[in-house]
Amino acid sequence: MTQELNDDPGAELAARVLRSSRRALLCGSGAVAVAALLSACGSDVDAPADGTTDNGLPSPSGPGDGSFVPGDGDSLASLDDIPVGGGIVTEDLVIVQPTAGTVKAYNRSCPHQQNPVDPPRDGIITCPFHGSQFKADDGSLVQGPATKGLTAVEVKIVDGKVVKA
């Protein structure tokens, strides 16, 4: 005796369970993938309470007591470390000494796509990513693709140290 699938209530129930199980499996797999992605983006490592990173340097935000403000009188560099006619880079600045005892600083982000520029060479600051060039003595644009010069940052010399003004 042969019965059609639609006539067998047990077969219909099995087909419904199979469809339901497949859907549940796919939804569950998706939920696990999302949870794994979110946990990979987070971190369970707490920052040290003293406001430093693992390497002992101040964290970008500094300690929560407000005592550390980058450049707020803190030394950016020693004047002796900046070659006359050249310059150095820090994490976020290019600091140059065009003539002895005169320092200037610029934001290290290239105005083209905010990539970090290299230290000056032969009076020219170059972005290694797309080739924009800037004059070290005033930050002005020499060659694009950037369409404007580097952003100046006010600095001064205090006791042989370069600090933000």
N, C-alpha and C. Protein backbone atom coordinates (compact mmCIF):
# COMPACT_ATOMS: atom_id res chain seq x y z
N MET A 1 0.85 -1.15 0.00
CA MET A 1 0.00 0.00 0.00
C MET A 1 0.90 1.23 0.00
N THR A 2 0.78 2.03 -1.03
CA THR A 2 1.60 3.21 -1.17
C THR A 2 0.77 4.43 -0.84
N GLN A 3 1.33 5.32 0.00
CA GLN A 3 0.62 6.57 0.34
C GLN A 3 1.44 7.76 -0.15
N GLU A 4 0.77 8.78 -0.55
CA GLU A 4 1.43 10.03 -0.92
C GLU A 4 1.98 10.68 0.34
N LEU A 5 3.04 11.50 0.18
CA LEU A 5 3.66 12.21 1.31
C LEU A 5 2.64 13.09 2.02
N ASN A 6 1.78 13.73 1.26
CA ASN A 6 0.79 14.65 1.85
C ASN A 6 -0.26 13.91 2.65
N ASP A 7 -0.45 12.62 2.36
CA ASP A 7 -1.45 11.86 3.09
C ASP A 7 -0.92 11.30 4.40
N ASP A 8 0.39 11.30 4.57
CA ASP A 8 0.99 10.72 5.77
C ASP A 8 1.28 11.83 6.78
N PRO A 9 0.52 11.92 7.87
CA PRO A 9 0.75 12.98 8.85
C PRO A 9 2.13 12.89 9.49
N GLY A 10 2.68 11.71 9.64
CA GLY A 10 4.01 11.56 10.22
C GLY A 10 5.09 12.13 9.30
N ALA A 11 4.96 11.92 7.99
CA ALA A 11 5.93 12.43 7.02
C ALA A 11 5.87 13.95 6.96
N GLU A 12 4.64 14.48 7.04
CA GLU A 12 4.48 15.93 7.02
C GLU A 12 5.12 16.55 8.25
N LEU A 13 4.92 15.93 9.40
CA LEU A 13 5.52 16.41 10.64
C LEU A 13 7.04 16.33 10.55
N ALA A 14 7.57 15.26 10.04
CA ALA A 14 9.02 15.11 9.90
C ALA A 14 9.59 16.18 8.97
N ALA A 15 8.89 16.47 7.87
CA ALA A 15 9.35 17.50 6.94
C ALA A 15 9.36 18.87 7.62
N ARG A 16 8.32 19.16 8.42
CA ARG A 16 8.26 20.44 9.13
C ARG A 16 9.40 20.55 10.15
N VAL A 17 9.68 19.49 10.88
CA VAL A 17 10.77 19.49 11.86
C VAL A 17 12.10 19.68 11.15
N LEU A 18 12.27 19.01 10.02
CA LEU A 18 13.51 19.15 9.25
C LEU A 18 13.71 20.59 8.78
N ARG A 19 12.64 21.21 8.25
CA ARG A 19 12.75 22.62 7.82
C ARG A 19 13.04 23.51 9.02
N SER A 20 12.35 23.26 10.11
CA SER A 20 12.54 24.06 11.31
C SER A 20 13.96 23.89 11.86
N SER A 21 14.47 22.67 11.87
CA SER A 21 15.81 22.42 12.38
C SER A 21 16.86 23.10 11.50
N ARG A 22 16.67 23.05 10.20
CA ARG A 22 17.61 23.71 9.29
C ARG A 22 17.62 25.22 9.54
N ARG A 23 16.44 25.79 9.71
CA ARG A 23 16.33 27.23 9.98
C ARG A 23 16.97 27.57 11.32
N ALA A 24 16.71 26.75 12.33
CA ALA A 24 17.30 26.98 13.65
C ALA A 24 18.82 26.87 13.60
N LEU A 25 19.30 25.88 12.84
CA LEU A 25 20.75 25.71 12.70
C LEU A 25 21.39 26.94 12.04
N LEU A 26 20.77 27.42 10.96
CA LEU A 26 21.31 28.61 10.28
C LEU A 26 21.26 29.84 11.18
N CYS A 27 20.14 30.04 11.86
CA CYS A 27 20.04 31.21 12.76
C CYS A 27 21.04 31.10 13.91
N GLY A 28 21.17 29.93 14.47
CA GLY A 28 22.13 29.73 15.56
C GLY A 28 23.56 29.97 15.11
N SER A 29 23.89 29.47 13.91
CA SER A 29 25.24 29.69 13.37
C SER A 29 25.51 31.17 13.16
N GLY A 30 24.50 31.88 12.65
CA GLY A 30 24.66 33.32 12.45
C GLY A 30 24.87 34.05 13.76
N ALA A 31 24.12 33.65 14.79
CA ALA A 31 24.26 34.29 16.11
C ALA A 31 25.65 34.04 16.69
N VAL A 32 26.16 32.82 16.53
CA VAL A 32 27.50 32.51 17.03
C VAL A 32 28.55 33.32 16.29
N ALA A 33 28.40 33.47 14.97
CA ALA A 33 29.36 34.24 14.18
C ALA A 33 29.36 35.71 14.61
N VAL A 34 28.18 36.28 14.85
CA VAL A 34 28.10 37.67 15.29
C VAL A 34 28.74 37.83 16.66
N ALA A 35 28.46 36.90 17.58
CA ALA A 35 29.05 36.98 18.91
C ALA A 35 30.57 36.89 18.85
N ALA A 36 31.08 36.00 17.98
CA ALA A 36 32.54 35.87 17.84
C ALA A 36 33.14 37.14 17.29
N LEU A 37 32.48 37.75 16.31
CA LEU A 37 32.97 38.99 15.73
C LEU A 37 33.00 40.11 16.76
N LEU A 38 31.94 40.23 17.54
CA LEU A 38 31.89 41.29 18.55
C LEU A 38 32.92 41.08 19.65
N SER A 39 33.13 39.84 20.05
CA SER A 39 34.12 39.61 21.09
C SER A 39 35.54 39.85 20.57
N ALA A 40 35.77 39.63 19.29
CA ALA A 40 37.09 39.88 18.72
C ALA A 40 37.39 41.37 18.66
N CYS A 41 36.34 42.19 18.54
CA CYS A 41 36.54 43.64 18.46
C CYS A 41 36.79 44.26 19.82
N GLY A 42 36.38 43.60 20.86
CA GLY A 42 36.55 44.16 22.20
C GLY A 42 37.85 43.72 22.82
N SER A 43 38.07 44.16 24.02
CA SER A 43 39.27 43.78 24.75
C SER A 43 38.92 43.65 26.21
N ASP A 44 39.41 42.59 26.83
CA ASP A 44 39.16 42.45 28.25
C ASP A 44 40.36 42.90 29.07
N VAL A 45 41.34 43.54 28.41
CA VAL A 45 42.52 44.02 29.11
C VAL A 45 42.25 45.45 29.56
N ASP A 46 42.35 45.68 30.85
CA ASP A 46 42.14 47.03 31.38
C ASP A 46 43.43 47.81 31.31
N ALA A 47 43.31 49.12 31.04
CA ALA A 47 44.47 50.00 31.03
C ALA A 47 44.95 50.18 32.46
N PRO A 48 46.26 50.34 32.64
CA PRO A 48 46.78 50.58 33.98
C PRO A 48 46.15 51.83 34.60
N ALA A 49 45.94 51.80 35.90
CA ALA A 49 45.29 52.91 36.59
C ALA A 49 46.13 54.18 36.58
N ASP A 50 47.45 54.06 36.35
CA ASP A 50 48.30 55.25 36.39
C ASP A 50 48.31 56.01 35.07
N GLY A 51 47.49 55.59 34.07
CA GLY A 51 47.39 56.33 32.83
C GLY A 51 48.53 56.06 31.86
N THR A 52 49.26 54.99 32.06
CA THR A 52 50.34 54.66 31.13
C THR A 52 49.93 53.46 30.29
N THR A 53 50.65 53.24 29.22
CA THR A 53 50.45 52.05 28.40
C THR A 53 51.37 50.97 28.93
N ASP A 54 51.34 49.79 28.32
CA ASP A 54 52.20 48.69 28.76
C ASP A 54 53.68 49.05 28.66
N ASN A 55 54.03 49.99 27.76
CA ASN A 55 55.44 50.35 27.61
C ASN A 55 55.84 51.51 28.52
N GLY A 56 54.93 51.92 29.41
CA GLY A 56 55.25 52.96 30.38
C GLY A 56 55.04 54.38 29.88
N LEU A 57 54.68 54.54 28.59
CA LEU A 57 54.44 55.88 28.05
C LEU A 57 53.03 56.33 28.41
N PRO A 58 52.79 57.64 28.47
CA PRO A 58 51.44 58.11 28.77
C PRO A 58 50.47 57.62 27.70
N SER A 59 49.28 57.23 28.13
CA SER A 59 48.28 56.82 27.17
C SER A 59 47.78 58.06 26.44
N PRO A 60 47.17 57.91 25.25
CA PRO A 60 46.72 59.07 24.50
C PRO A 60 45.78 59.96 25.31
N SER A 61 44.96 59.38 26.15
CA SER A 61 44.05 60.21 26.93
C SER A 61 44.65 60.60 28.27
N GLY A 62 45.72 59.93 28.67
CA GLY A 62 46.36 60.23 29.94
C GLY A 62 45.53 59.73 31.11
N PRO A 63 46.00 59.96 32.33
CA PRO A 63 45.25 59.51 33.48
C PRO A 63 43.96 60.31 33.62
N GLY A 64 43.00 59.73 34.30
CA GLY A 64 41.70 60.36 34.44
C GLY A 64 41.68 61.60 35.31
N ASP A 65 42.78 61.91 36.01
CA ASP A 65 42.77 63.07 36.89
C ASP A 65 43.04 64.38 36.16
N GLY A 66 43.26 64.33 34.83
CA GLY A 66 43.46 65.55 34.05
C GLY A 66 44.86 66.13 34.17
N SER A 67 45.78 65.44 34.85
CA SER A 67 47.10 66.01 35.05
C SER A 67 47.97 65.96 33.80
N PHE A 68 47.68 65.03 32.90
CA PHE A 68 48.49 64.92 31.69
C PHE A 68 47.72 65.48 30.52
N VAL A 69 48.22 66.55 29.93
CA VAL A 69 47.66 67.12 28.72
C VAL A 69 48.81 67.22 27.74
N PRO A 70 48.78 66.43 26.65
CA PRO A 70 49.91 66.43 25.72
C PRO A 70 50.27 67.85 25.28
N GLY A 71 51.53 68.18 25.41
CA GLY A 71 52.01 69.48 24.96
C GLY A 71 51.76 70.62 25.93
N ASP A 72 51.06 70.39 27.01
CA ASP A 72 50.76 71.44 27.97
C ASP A 72 51.99 71.66 28.85
N GLY A 73 53.04 72.24 28.24
CA GLY A 73 54.28 72.47 28.97
C GLY A 73 55.18 71.26 28.97
N ASP A 74 54.67 70.11 28.51
CA ASP A 74 55.49 68.91 28.43
C ASP A 74 56.45 69.04 27.25
N SER A 75 57.65 68.56 27.44
CA SER A 75 58.66 68.64 26.40
C SER A 75 58.29 67.73 25.23
N LEU A 76 58.33 68.30 24.03
CA LEU A 76 58.10 67.53 22.81
C LEU A 76 59.41 66.95 22.30
N ALA A 77 60.48 67.70 22.51
CA ALA A 77 61.81 67.27 22.07
C ALA A 77 62.83 68.21 22.68
N SER A 78 64.07 67.75 22.73
CA SER A 78 65.17 68.61 23.14
C SER A 78 65.65 69.35 21.90
N LEU A 79 65.97 70.61 22.04
CA LEU A 79 66.47 71.39 20.91
C LEU A 79 67.72 70.75 20.32
N ASP A 80 68.54 70.12 21.16
CA ASP A 80 69.76 69.46 20.69
C ASP A 80 69.48 68.27 19.78
N ASP A 81 68.28 67.69 19.88
CA ASP A 81 67.94 66.53 19.06
C ASP A 81 67.43 66.89 17.67
N ILE A 82 67.19 68.18 17.44
CA ILE A 82 66.64 68.62 16.15
C ILE A 82 67.77 69.24 15.34
N PRO A 83 68.17 68.61 14.24
CA PRO A 83 69.28 69.15 13.46
C PRO A 83 68.94 70.50 12.83
N VAL A 84 69.89 71.42 12.85
CA VAL A 84 69.70 72.72 12.19
C VAL A 84 69.59 72.45 10.69
N GLY A 85 68.55 73.03 10.08
CA GLY A 85 68.29 72.79 8.66
C GLY A 85 67.54 71.50 8.41
N GLY A 86 67.15 70.80 9.45
CA GLY A 86 66.43 69.53 9.33
C GLY A 86 65.33 69.45 10.35
N GLY A 87 64.97 68.25 10.71
CA GLY A 87 63.90 68.09 11.68
C GLY A 87 63.72 66.65 12.09
N ILE A 88 62.75 66.47 12.96
CA ILE A 88 62.40 65.14 13.47
C ILE A 88 60.89 64.98 13.41
N VAL A 89 60.44 63.73 13.60
CA VAL A 89 59.01 63.49 13.73
C VAL A 89 58.74 62.87 15.08
N THR A 90 57.60 63.23 15.65
CA THR A 90 57.09 62.56 16.83
C THR A 90 55.86 61.80 16.36
N GLU A 91 55.12 61.26 17.28
CA GLU A 91 53.93 60.51 16.88
C GLU A 91 52.98 61.36 16.04
N ASP A 92 52.80 62.63 16.41
CA ASP A 92 51.83 63.46 15.69
C ASP A 92 52.36 64.78 15.16
N LEU A 93 53.67 65.03 15.30
CA LEU A 93 54.23 66.30 14.83
C LEU A 93 55.49 66.10 13.99
N VAL A 94 55.74 67.08 13.13
CA VAL A 94 57.04 67.24 12.49
C VAL A 94 57.61 68.51 13.12
N ILE A 95 58.79 68.41 13.73
CA ILE A 95 59.41 69.58 14.36
C ILE A 95 60.70 69.87 13.60
N VAL A 96 60.83 71.11 13.11
CA VAL A 96 61.99 71.49 12.30
C VAL A 96 62.73 72.64 12.96
N GLN A 97 64.01 72.76 12.61
CA GLN A 97 64.84 73.87 13.06
C GLN A 97 65.50 74.47 11.81
N PRO A 98 64.77 75.37 11.11
CA PRO A 98 65.28 75.93 9.86
C PRO A 98 66.61 76.67 10.05
N THR A 99 66.73 77.43 11.14
CA THR A 99 67.98 78.10 11.48
C THR A 99 68.23 77.85 12.96
N ALA A 100 69.47 77.98 13.38
CA ALA A 100 69.83 77.70 14.78
C ALA A 100 68.95 78.49 15.74
N GLY A 101 68.29 77.76 16.66
CA GLY A 101 67.48 78.40 17.69
C GLY A 101 66.06 78.75 17.25
N THR A 102 65.69 78.48 16.02
CA THR A 102 64.33 78.73 15.54
C THR A 102 63.66 77.40 15.26
N VAL A 103 62.55 77.13 15.93
CA VAL A 103 61.83 75.88 15.71
C VAL A 103 60.42 76.15 15.21
N LYS A 104 59.95 75.24 14.38
CA LYS A 104 58.58 75.28 13.89
C LYS A 104 58.06 73.85 13.95
N ALA A 105 56.75 73.72 14.08
CA ALA A 105 56.15 72.38 14.12
C ALA A 105 54.90 72.37 13.26
N TYR A 106 54.63 71.19 12.72
CA TYR A 106 53.46 70.99 11.88
C TYR A 106 52.80 69.68 12.28
N ASN A 107 51.50 69.63 12.09
CA ASN A 107 50.78 68.38 12.28
C ASN A 107 51.37 67.37 11.31
N ARG A 108 51.64 66.18 11.76
CA ARG A 108 52.31 65.18 10.93
C ARG A 108 51.37 64.55 9.90
N SER A 109 50.08 64.79 9.97
CA SER A 109 49.13 64.21 9.03
C SER A 109 49.15 64.97 7.71
N CYS A 110 49.39 64.25 6.64
CA CYS A 110 49.34 64.85 5.30
C CYS A 110 47.90 65.29 5.03
N PRO A 111 47.70 66.50 4.52
CA PRO A 111 46.33 66.96 4.27
C PRO A 111 45.61 66.17 3.17
N HIS A 112 46.34 65.39 2.40
CA HIS A 112 45.71 64.61 1.32
C HIS A 112 44.82 63.51 1.87
N GLN A 113 45.39 62.58 2.67
CA GLN A 113 44.59 61.50 3.24
C GLN A 113 44.99 61.19 4.68
N GLN A 114 45.57 62.15 5.36
CA GLN A 114 45.92 62.08 6.78
C GLN A 114 46.93 60.98 7.12
N ASN A 115 47.74 60.56 6.16
CA ASN A 115 48.82 59.62 6.44
C ASN A 115 49.99 60.39 7.06
N PRO A 116 50.81 59.73 7.89
CA PRO A 116 51.94 60.43 8.51
C PRO A 116 53.05 60.71 7.50
N VAL A 117 53.58 61.93 7.56
CA VAL A 117 54.67 62.33 6.68
C VAL A 117 56.01 61.95 7.32
N ASP A 118 57.04 61.92 6.48
CA ASP A 118 58.39 61.60 6.94
C ASP A 118 59.10 62.85 7.45
N PRO A 119 60.22 62.68 8.16
CA PRO A 119 61.01 63.84 8.57
C PRO A 119 61.56 64.54 7.33
N PRO A 120 61.90 65.82 7.46
CA PRO A 120 62.40 66.55 6.30
C PRO A 120 63.75 66.03 5.81
N ARG A 121 63.91 66.14 4.52
CA ARG A 121 65.17 65.77 3.88
C ARG A 121 65.48 66.83 2.84
N ASP A 122 66.65 67.46 2.95
CA ASP A 122 67.02 68.55 2.04
C ASP A 122 65.96 69.63 1.98
N GLY A 123 65.38 69.94 3.15
CA GLY A 123 64.41 71.04 3.25
C GLY A 123 63.00 70.68 2.79
N ILE A 124 62.75 69.41 2.48
CA ILE A 124 61.44 68.99 1.99
C ILE A 124 60.88 67.87 2.89
N ILE A 125 59.62 68.04 3.28
CA ILE A 125 58.89 67.03 4.02
C ILE A 125 58.05 66.27 3.00
N THR A 126 58.18 64.95 2.98
CA THR A 126 57.48 64.15 1.96
C THR A 126 56.52 63.16 2.62
N CYS A 127 55.37 63.00 2.00
CA CYS A 127 54.43 61.96 2.40
C CYS A 127 54.79 60.71 1.60
N PRO A 128 55.19 59.64 2.28
CA PRO A 128 55.63 58.45 1.57
C PRO A 128 54.50 57.68 0.89
N PHE A 129 53.27 58.00 1.20
CA PHE A 129 52.15 57.23 0.67
C PHE A 129 51.75 57.66 -0.74
N HIS A 130 51.70 58.96 -1.00
CA HIS A 130 51.26 59.42 -2.31
C HIS A 130 52.17 60.49 -2.91
N GLY A 131 53.26 60.84 -2.21
CA GLY A 131 54.26 61.73 -2.78
C GLY A 131 54.06 63.21 -2.60
N SER A 132 53.08 63.63 -1.81
CA SER A 132 52.94 65.08 -1.56
C SER A 132 54.20 65.58 -0.88
N GLN A 133 54.60 66.82 -1.21
CA GLN A 133 55.81 67.41 -0.63
C GLN A 133 55.51 68.81 -0.10
N PHE A 134 56.22 69.16 0.98
CA PHE A 134 56.01 70.42 1.67
C PHE A 134 57.35 71.03 2.04
N LYS A 135 57.43 72.36 2.04
CA LYS A 135 58.66 73.04 2.47
C LYS A 135 58.79 72.91 3.98
N ALA A 136 59.97 72.52 4.43
CA ALA A 136 60.19 72.33 5.87
C ALA A 136 60.18 73.65 6.62
N ASP A 137 60.61 74.74 5.99
CA ASP A 137 60.71 76.01 6.72
C ASP A 137 59.37 76.70 6.96
N ASP A 138 58.32 76.36 6.16
CA ASP A 138 57.03 77.00 6.41
C ASP A 138 55.82 76.05 6.24
N GLY A 139 56.06 74.80 5.86
CA GLY A 139 54.98 73.83 5.72
C GLY A 139 54.15 73.97 4.46
N SER A 140 54.53 74.91 3.58
CA SER A 140 53.72 75.14 2.38
C SER A 140 53.85 73.99 1.39
N LEU A 141 52.83 73.86 0.56
CA LEU A 141 52.76 72.79 -0.43
C LEU A 141 53.74 73.03 -1.57
N VAL A 142 54.52 72.01 -1.90
CA VAL A 142 55.43 72.07 -3.05
C VAL A 142 54.81 71.27 -4.19
N GLN A 143 54.29 70.08 -3.87
CA GLN A 143 53.77 69.18 -4.89
C GLN A 143 52.67 68.31 -4.30
N GLY A 144 51.58 68.12 -5.05
CA GLY A 144 50.45 67.31 -4.61
C GLY A 144 50.68 65.83 -4.82
N PRO A 145 49.67 65.10 -4.48
CA PRO A 145 48.24 65.35 -4.63
C PRO A 145 47.57 66.18 -3.53
N ALA A 146 48.23 66.44 -2.42
CA ALA A 146 47.63 67.33 -1.40
C ALA A 146 47.34 68.67 -2.08
N THR A 147 46.31 69.35 -1.59
CA THR A 147 45.94 70.64 -2.18
C THR A 147 46.25 71.82 -1.27
N LYS A 148 46.79 71.53 -0.08
CA LYS A 148 47.18 72.61 0.84
C LYS A 148 48.37 72.15 1.65
N GLY A 149 49.00 73.11 2.33
CA GLY A 149 50.19 72.82 3.13
C GLY A 149 49.86 72.14 4.44
N LEU A 150 50.92 71.83 5.19
CA LEU A 150 50.77 71.21 6.51
C LEU A 150 50.21 72.23 7.51
N THR A 151 49.50 71.75 8.49
CA THR A 151 48.92 72.60 9.52
C THR A 151 49.98 72.93 10.56
N ALA A 152 50.23 74.23 10.77
CA ALA A 152 51.22 74.68 11.74
C ALA A 152 50.71 74.45 13.17
N VAL A 153 51.65 74.12 14.05
CA VAL A 153 51.37 73.96 15.48
C VAL A 153 52.32 74.90 16.20
N GLU A 154 51.78 75.77 17.03
CA GLU A 154 52.60 76.74 17.74
C GLU A 154 53.47 76.06 18.80
N VAL A 155 54.77 76.30 18.72
CA VAL A 155 55.71 75.77 19.71
C VAL A 155 56.65 76.88 20.14
N LYS A 156 57.34 76.64 21.25
CA LYS A 156 58.35 77.58 21.75
C LYS A 156 59.45 76.78 22.42
N ILE A 157 60.56 77.45 22.69
CA ILE A 157 61.68 76.81 23.37
C ILE A 157 61.69 77.31 24.82
N VAL A 158 61.72 76.34 25.73
CA VAL A 158 61.80 76.64 27.16
C VAL A 158 62.91 75.77 27.75
N ASP A 159 63.95 76.42 28.25
CA ASP A 159 65.09 75.71 28.86
C ASP A 159 65.65 74.62 27.96
N GLY A 160 65.79 74.93 26.67
CA GLY A 160 66.39 73.99 25.72
C GLY A 160 65.46 72.89 25.27
N LYS A 161 64.20 72.98 25.65
CA LYS A 161 63.19 72.00 25.27
C LYS A 161 62.13 72.65 24.40
N VAL A 162 61.63 71.89 23.42
CA VAL A 162 60.53 72.38 22.58
C VAL A 162 59.22 71.96 23.23
N VAL A 163 58.35 72.94 23.47
CA VAL A 163 57.04 72.70 24.08
C VAL A 163 55.97 73.41 23.25
N LYS A 164 54.74 72.93 23.37
CA LYS A 164 53.64 73.62 22.69
C LYS A 164 53.44 74.98 23.35
N ALA A 165 53.20 75.98 22.52
CA ALA A 165 53.03 77.34 23.03
C ALA A 165 51.63 77.53 23.62
